[in-house]
Amino acid sequence: MANKSTIKKFQMVEDGDMSADITSSITDITKLDNMGLQIKWDSANAVGVISVQISINYDPQINSGDWVDLSFSPSLTQPDSDNGVYAISLNQLPYPWLRIKYAFGSGAGTFNAWLSAKVIGG
């Protein structure tokens, strides 16, 4: 029986300061099939917008690329003067690059995000 290739846990954002915009590290997801994200924030008053973004034309050697928000149904829960945590399942995305963005609205708090992944058949 073959071993399944996995990423058990990779922290994309660690203790991000929610009193400003936050952009995670950029992750190459070219060879990843099924991914999970866990988003968590601790705050009594932060208000902002969390988005999961992809890029096809990003190139770490040449340019910063164009980043596009993925759409979710239902929409992602957003910080609104409360604590929160949730998981996002991403299945076989046809894009090579992924990042998480927090757009500051008001308030302050701490933001964290993790990724895990499995490769089908590998």
Protein backbone atom coordinates (compact mmCIF):
# COMPACT_ATOMS: atom_id res chain seq x y z
CA MET A 1 0.00 0.00 0.00
CA ALA A 2 1.44 3.39 -1.04
CA ASN A 3 2.05 6.15 1.46
CA LYS A 4 -0.08 9.25 1.02
CA SER A 5 1.86 12.50 0.72
CA THR A 6 0.62 15.08 3.21
CA ILE A 7 1.33 18.43 4.75
CA LYS A 8 0.10 17.99 8.31
CA LYS A 9 0.29 21.64 9.32
CA PHE A 10 1.88 24.76 7.89
CA GLN A 11 1.24 28.11 9.58
CA MET A 12 0.60 30.72 6.89
CA VAL A 13 0.04 33.58 9.38
CA GLU A 14 1.36 33.56 12.95
CA ASP A 15 0.01 36.12 15.44
CA GLY A 16 -0.82 38.69 12.77
CA ASP A 17 -1.67 42.18 14.07
CA MET A 18 -5.29 42.90 13.10
CA SER A 19 -4.84 46.66 13.51
CA ALA A 20 -3.46 46.66 9.94
CA ASP A 21 -3.79 44.66 6.71
CA ILE A 22 -2.29 41.15 6.85
CA THR A 23 -1.08 39.06 3.91
CA SER A 24 0.03 35.47 4.51
CA SER A 25 3.04 33.81 3.07
CA ILE A 26 2.47 32.66 -0.51
CA THR A 27 2.11 28.91 -0.91
CA ASP A 28 2.86 26.91 -4.06
CA ILE A 29 -0.10 24.53 -4.35
CA THR A 30 0.75 23.19 -7.82
CA LYS A 31 1.12 19.59 -6.63
CA LEU A 32 -1.48 19.65 -3.84
CA ASP A 33 -4.91 18.13 -4.44
CA ASN A 34 -6.97 18.54 -1.28
CA MET A 35 -6.26 21.36 1.15
CA GLY A 36 -7.74 22.52 4.40
CA LEU A 37 -7.39 25.96 5.91
CA GLN A 38 -8.08 26.88 9.52
CA ILE A 39 -8.62 30.56 10.23
CA LYS A 40 -8.68 31.93 13.78
CA TRP A 41 -8.85 35.40 15.26
CA ASP A 42 -8.95 36.65 18.85
CA SER A 43 -10.41 40.11 19.33
CA ALA A 44 -13.07 42.02 21.16
CA ASN A 45 -13.36 44.76 18.55
CA ALA A 46 -11.68 43.88 15.22
CA VAL A 47 -13.73 44.38 12.07
CA GLY A 48 -12.29 43.41 8.70
CA VAL A 49 -12.54 41.15 5.66
CA ILE A 50 -10.81 37.78 5.27
CA SER A 51 -10.26 36.43 1.78
CA VAL A 52 -8.57 33.40 0.25
CA GLN A 53 -6.72 34.50 -2.87
CA ILE A 54 -5.19 32.70 -5.85
CA SER A 55 -2.85 33.73 -8.62
CA ILE A 56 -1.83 32.16 -11.90
CA ASN A 57 0.64 34.84 -13.05
CA TYR A 58 2.60 35.29 -9.79
CA ASP A 59 6.27 34.44 -10.24
CA PRO A 60 8.58 34.74 -7.23
CA GLN A 61 11.51 35.59 -9.52
CA ILE A 62 9.77 38.07 -11.86
CA ASN A 63 6.58 39.72 -10.56
CA SER A 64 4.07 40.01 -7.73
CA GLY A 65 1.23 38.77 -9.94
CA ASP A 66 -2.46 39.52 -9.80
CA TRP A 67 -4.37 38.12 -6.81
CA VAL A 68 -8.04 37.16 -7.09
CA ASP A 69 -10.44 36.36 -4.23
CA LEU A 70 -12.02 32.90 -4.32
CA SER A 71 -15.82 32.90 -3.95
CA PHE A 72 -17.48 30.76 -1.29
CA SER A 73 -21.10 29.75 -0.75
CA PRO A 74 -22.02 30.42 1.94
CA SER A 75 -19.73 33.42 2.29
CA LEU A 76 -16.85 33.27 4.76
CA THR A 77 -17.59 34.48 8.28
CA GLN A 78 -15.88 37.83 8.86
CA PRO A 79 -14.48 39.41 12.04
CA ASP A 80 -17.15 41.67 13.53
CA SER A 81 -16.07 42.61 17.07
CA ASP A 82 -15.84 38.97 18.18
CA ASN A 83 -13.55 35.93 18.37
CA GLY A 84 -13.84 33.35 15.63
CA VAL A 85 -12.48 30.16 14.12
CA TYR A 86 -13.51 28.11 11.10
CA ALA A 87 -12.25 25.62 8.55
CA ILE A 88 -12.26 25.87 4.75
CA SER A 89 -12.03 22.84 2.46
CA LEU A 90 -10.33 23.40 -0.91
CA ASN A 91 -10.58 20.51 -3.36
CA GLN A 92 -8.39 20.27 -6.48
CA LEU A 93 -7.90 23.96 -7.17
CA PRO A 94 -6.55 24.57 -10.69
CA TYR A 95 -4.27 27.42 -9.59
CA PRO A 96 -0.58 27.34 -8.68
CA TRP A 97 -0.44 29.97 -5.91
CA LEU A 98 -2.49 30.59 -2.75
CA ARG A 99 -2.47 33.18 0.03
CA ILE A 100 -4.79 34.55 2.73
CA LYS A 101 -5.54 38.24 3.08
CA TYR A 102 -7.06 40.20 5.98
CA ALA A 103 -8.21 43.71 5.07
CA PHE A 104 -8.29 45.95 8.15
CA GLY A 105 -11.51 47.81 8.92
CA SER A 106 -11.18 48.84 12.57
CA GLY A 107 -10.10 47.57 15.98
CA ALA A 108 -7.26 45.24 16.90
CA GLY A 109 -6.65 41.57 17.58
CA THR A 110 -4.54 38.54 16.69
CA PHE A 111 -4.96 36.58 13.45
CA ASN A 112 -3.67 33.07 12.68
CA ALA A 113 -4.05 30.77 9.68
CA TRP A 114 -2.90 27.23 8.97
CA LEU A 115 -2.89 24.96 5.92
CA SER A 116 -2.87 21.18 5.67
CA ALA A 117 -2.98 19.11 2.47
CA LYS A 118 -3.14 15.64 0.95
CA VAL A 119 -2.07 14.44 -2.46
CA ILE A 120 -4.41 12.01 -4.25
CA GLY A 121 -2.79 8.71 -5.10
CA GLY A 122 0.60 9.73 -3.91
